[in-house]
Amino acid sequence: MGRGDGPGRPPLDVPARLIRITLSLRPGEDDDLLVFFDELPAGSRAQAVVTALRQGSGVGETAVSQPFDETELLAALEDLLF
């Protein structure tokens, strides 16, 4: 069966944008997050992170209806990543 032959997901009109994130998590400090990632099924990390961002941080609300300071946003992201 070739591409487009089956009943799979229809092609999207807009190409995906790839956002790469690397987290450095430390045992003893980030145990809750380490357990979260360890318990995820293979191949589901990206969707789990997207869901957590949407549910826990109000990302959608900030992006749509509230002004934000880019400097604060970048600092918050840096805290998450390093």
N, C-alpha and C. Protein backbone atom coordinates (compact mmCIF):
# COMPACT_ATOMS: atom_id res chain seq x y z
N MET A 1 0.84 -1.18 0.00
CA MET A 1 0.00 0.00 0.00
C MET A 1 0.89 1.24 0.00
N GLY A 2 0.72 2.12 -0.93
CA GLY A 2 1.53 3.32 -1.01
C GLY A 2 0.90 4.48 -0.26
N ARG A 3 1.58 5.58 -0.25
CA ARG A 3 1.06 6.78 0.40
C ARG A 3 -0.24 7.22 -0.23
N GLY A 4 -1.23 7.54 0.61
CA GLY A 4 -2.49 8.03 0.10
C GLY A 4 -3.46 6.93 -0.34
N ASP A 5 -3.03 5.67 -0.25
CA ASP A 5 -3.89 4.57 -0.68
C ASP A 5 -4.87 4.13 0.39
N GLY A 6 -4.54 4.37 1.65
CA GLY A 6 -5.36 3.84 2.73
C GLY A 6 -6.26 4.88 3.35
N PRO A 7 -7.02 4.44 4.36
CA PRO A 7 -7.97 5.34 5.02
C PRO A 7 -7.33 6.19 6.11
N GLY A 8 -6.02 6.37 6.09
CA GLY A 8 -5.31 7.11 7.13
C GLY A 8 -5.72 8.57 7.19
N ARG A 9 -4.97 9.31 7.96
CA ARG A 9 -5.24 10.73 8.14
C ARG A 9 -5.11 11.47 6.81
N PRO A 10 -6.04 12.38 6.52
CA PRO A 10 -5.95 13.14 5.26
C PRO A 10 -4.75 14.09 5.30
N PRO A 11 -4.19 14.41 4.13
CA PRO A 11 -3.05 15.33 4.11
C PRO A 11 -3.46 16.71 4.60
N LEU A 12 -2.53 17.38 5.27
CA LEU A 12 -2.77 18.72 5.79
C LEU A 12 -2.39 19.76 4.74
N ASP A 13 -3.10 20.88 4.75
CA ASP A 13 -2.83 21.96 3.81
C ASP A 13 -1.60 22.77 4.20
N VAL A 14 -1.27 22.76 5.49
CA VAL A 14 -0.17 23.58 6.00
C VAL A 14 0.92 22.66 6.55
N PRO A 15 2.18 22.90 6.17
CA PRO A 15 3.25 22.05 6.70
C PRO A 15 3.46 22.30 8.20
N ALA A 16 3.89 21.28 8.91
CA ALA A 16 4.16 21.41 10.34
C ALA A 16 5.43 22.21 10.57
N ARG A 17 5.46 22.94 11.67
CA ARG A 17 6.68 23.63 12.10
C ARG A 17 7.29 22.81 13.22
N LEU A 18 8.55 22.49 13.13
CA LEU A 18 9.23 21.71 14.14
C LEU A 18 9.85 22.62 15.19
N ILE A 19 9.53 22.36 16.45
CA ILE A 19 10.10 23.08 17.58
C ILE A 19 10.86 22.05 18.41
N ARG A 20 12.15 22.18 18.47
CA ARG A 20 12.96 21.21 19.21
C ARG A 20 13.27 21.76 20.60
N ILE A 21 13.08 20.91 21.61
CA ILE A 21 13.33 21.30 22.99
C ILE A 21 14.14 20.19 23.65
N THR A 22 15.16 20.58 24.39
CA THR A 22 15.95 19.63 25.17
C THR A 22 15.81 20.01 26.63
N LEU A 23 15.42 19.06 27.45
CA LEU A 23 15.28 19.28 28.89
C LEU A 23 16.41 18.58 29.62
N SER A 24 16.98 19.24 30.61
CA SER A 24 17.96 18.61 31.49
C SER A 24 17.29 18.47 32.86
N LEU A 25 16.93 17.25 33.20
CA LEU A 25 16.22 16.99 34.45
C LEU A 25 17.15 16.26 35.41
N ARG A 26 17.09 16.64 36.69
CA ARG A 26 17.99 16.09 37.69
C ARG A 26 17.23 15.26 38.73
N PRO A 27 17.69 14.03 38.96
CA PRO A 27 17.09 13.23 40.03
C PRO A 27 17.20 13.99 41.36
N GLY A 28 16.15 13.88 42.15
CA GLY A 28 16.11 14.57 43.43
C GLY A 28 15.48 15.95 43.31
N GLU A 29 15.63 16.59 42.17
CA GLU A 29 15.05 17.91 41.95
C GLU A 29 13.84 17.85 41.02
N ASP A 30 13.89 16.97 40.05
CA ASP A 30 12.85 16.88 39.03
C ASP A 30 12.22 15.49 38.98
N ASP A 31 12.13 14.83 40.12
CA ASP A 31 11.64 13.45 40.15
C ASP A 31 10.24 13.31 39.55
N ASP A 32 9.36 14.29 39.80
CA ASP A 32 8.00 14.20 39.27
C ASP A 32 8.00 14.19 37.74
N LEU A 33 8.85 15.02 37.15
CA LEU A 33 8.92 15.08 35.69
C LEU A 33 9.60 13.84 35.12
N LEU A 34 10.61 13.33 35.81
CA LEU A 34 11.26 12.11 35.35
C LEU A 34 10.28 10.94 35.34
N VAL A 35 9.44 10.83 36.36
CA VAL A 35 8.42 9.79 36.40
C VAL A 35 7.43 10.00 35.26
N PHE A 36 7.00 11.24 35.06
CA PHE A 36 6.07 11.57 33.97
C PHE A 36 6.60 11.06 32.64
N PHE A 37 7.86 11.39 32.32
CA PHE A 37 8.43 10.98 31.04
C PHE A 37 8.70 9.48 30.99
N ASP A 38 9.12 8.88 32.11
CA ASP A 38 9.39 7.44 32.13
C ASP A 38 8.13 6.62 31.88
N GLU A 39 6.98 7.12 32.30
CA GLU A 39 5.73 6.37 32.18
C GLU A 39 5.02 6.56 30.84
N LEU A 40 5.53 7.45 29.99
CA LEU A 40 4.89 7.68 28.69
C LEU A 40 5.17 6.52 27.74
N PRO A 41 4.17 6.12 26.98
CA PRO A 41 4.41 5.10 25.94
C PRO A 41 5.36 5.65 24.88
N ALA A 42 6.07 4.74 24.23
CA ALA A 42 7.01 5.14 23.18
C ALA A 42 6.28 5.97 22.12
N GLY A 43 6.93 7.04 21.70
CA GLY A 43 6.38 7.87 20.63
C GLY A 43 5.33 8.88 21.05
N SER A 44 5.11 9.06 22.36
CA SER A 44 4.03 9.97 22.77
C SER A 44 4.52 11.19 23.54
N ARG A 45 5.82 11.42 23.59
CA ARG A 45 6.35 12.56 24.35
C ARG A 45 5.86 13.90 23.84
N ALA A 46 5.94 14.10 22.53
CA ALA A 46 5.57 15.41 21.97
C ALA A 46 4.12 15.74 22.30
N GLN A 47 3.21 14.79 22.09
CA GLN A 47 1.80 15.05 22.37
C GLN A 47 1.58 15.29 23.86
N ALA A 48 2.31 14.57 24.72
CA ALA A 48 2.17 14.76 26.16
C ALA A 48 2.63 16.16 26.58
N VAL A 49 3.71 16.64 26.00
CA VAL A 49 4.21 17.98 26.32
C VAL A 49 3.23 19.04 25.82
N VAL A 50 2.71 18.88 24.61
CA VAL A 50 1.73 19.83 24.07
C VAL A 50 0.50 19.88 24.98
N THR A 51 0.01 18.73 25.39
CA THR A 51 -1.16 18.67 26.26
C THR A 51 -0.87 19.33 27.60
N ALA A 52 0.29 19.04 28.19
CA ALA A 52 0.65 19.64 29.48
C ALA A 52 0.76 21.16 29.37
N LEU A 53 1.34 21.66 28.30
CA LEU A 53 1.44 23.11 28.11
C LEU A 53 0.07 23.75 28.00
N ARG A 54 -0.81 23.12 27.25
CA ARG A 54 -2.15 23.70 27.08
C ARG A 54 -2.98 23.64 28.35
N GLN A 55 -2.83 22.59 29.14
CA GLN A 55 -3.64 22.44 30.35
C GLN A 55 -3.07 23.19 31.54
N GLY A 56 -1.77 23.22 31.66
CA GLY A 56 -1.17 23.72 32.89
C GLY A 56 -0.72 25.15 32.91
N SER A 57 -0.40 25.73 31.77
CA SER A 57 0.24 27.03 31.82
C SER A 57 -0.59 28.15 31.20
N GLY A 58 -1.72 27.83 30.64
CA GLY A 58 -2.52 28.87 30.00
C GLY A 58 -1.87 29.41 28.75
N VAL A 59 -1.07 28.61 28.08
CA VAL A 59 -0.37 29.06 26.88
C VAL A 59 -1.35 29.61 25.86
N GLY A 60 -2.44 28.91 25.62
CA GLY A 60 -3.41 29.36 24.64
C GLY A 60 -4.01 30.70 25.00
N GLU A 61 -4.32 30.91 26.29
CA GLU A 61 -4.90 32.18 26.72
C GLU A 61 -3.91 33.33 26.53
N THR A 62 -2.65 33.10 26.90
CA THR A 62 -1.65 34.16 26.75
C THR A 62 -1.46 34.53 25.29
N ALA A 63 -1.38 33.51 24.44
CA ALA A 63 -1.11 33.77 23.03
C ALA A 63 -2.29 34.47 22.35
N VAL A 64 -3.50 34.24 22.84
CA VAL A 64 -4.66 34.77 22.15
C VAL A 64 -5.15 36.08 22.73
N SER A 65 -5.29 36.17 24.05
CA SER A 65 -6.03 37.30 24.60
C SER A 65 -5.26 38.22 25.54
N GLN A 66 -4.08 37.86 25.95
CA GLN A 66 -3.37 38.69 26.91
C GLN A 66 -2.01 39.13 26.35
N PRO A 67 -1.65 40.38 26.55
CA PRO A 67 -0.31 40.81 26.12
C PRO A 67 0.75 40.14 27.00
N PHE A 68 1.95 39.97 26.47
CA PHE A 68 3.02 39.38 27.26
C PHE A 68 4.33 40.09 26.94
N ASP A 69 5.22 40.02 27.89
CA ASP A 69 6.55 40.59 27.74
C ASP A 69 7.47 39.51 27.19
N GLU A 70 8.01 39.73 26.02
CA GLU A 70 8.85 38.71 25.38
C GLU A 70 10.06 38.36 26.23
N THR A 71 10.64 39.31 26.93
CA THR A 71 11.79 39.06 27.80
C THR A 71 11.42 38.08 28.91
N GLU A 72 10.25 38.29 29.53
CA GLU A 72 9.79 37.39 30.58
C GLU A 72 9.52 36.00 30.02
N LEU A 73 8.93 35.94 28.84
CA LEU A 73 8.64 34.66 28.22
C LEU A 73 9.92 33.90 27.94
N LEU A 74 10.93 34.56 27.39
CA LEU A 74 12.21 33.91 27.09
C LEU A 74 12.90 33.45 28.37
N ALA A 75 12.82 34.26 29.42
CA ALA A 75 13.42 33.87 30.71
C ALA A 75 12.72 32.64 31.27
N ALA A 76 11.40 32.60 31.18
CA ALA A 76 10.65 31.44 31.67
C ALA A 76 11.01 30.18 30.87
N LEU A 77 11.12 30.33 29.56
CA LEU A 77 11.52 29.18 28.75
C LEU A 77 12.92 28.71 29.09
N GLU A 78 13.83 29.63 29.31
CA GLU A 78 15.19 29.26 29.68
C GLU A 78 15.20 28.49 31.00
N ASP A 79 14.38 28.93 31.95
CA ASP A 79 14.28 28.22 33.23
C ASP A 79 13.79 26.80 33.03
N LEU A 80 12.88 26.60 32.07
CA LEU A 80 12.35 25.27 31.80
C LEU A 80 13.39 24.37 31.14
N LEU A 81 14.22 24.96 30.30
CA LEU A 81 15.12 24.17 29.47
C LEU A 81 16.47 23.89 30.12
N PHE A 82 16.91 24.76 31.02
CA PHE A 82 18.26 24.56 31.56
C PHE A 82 18.27 24.53 33.04
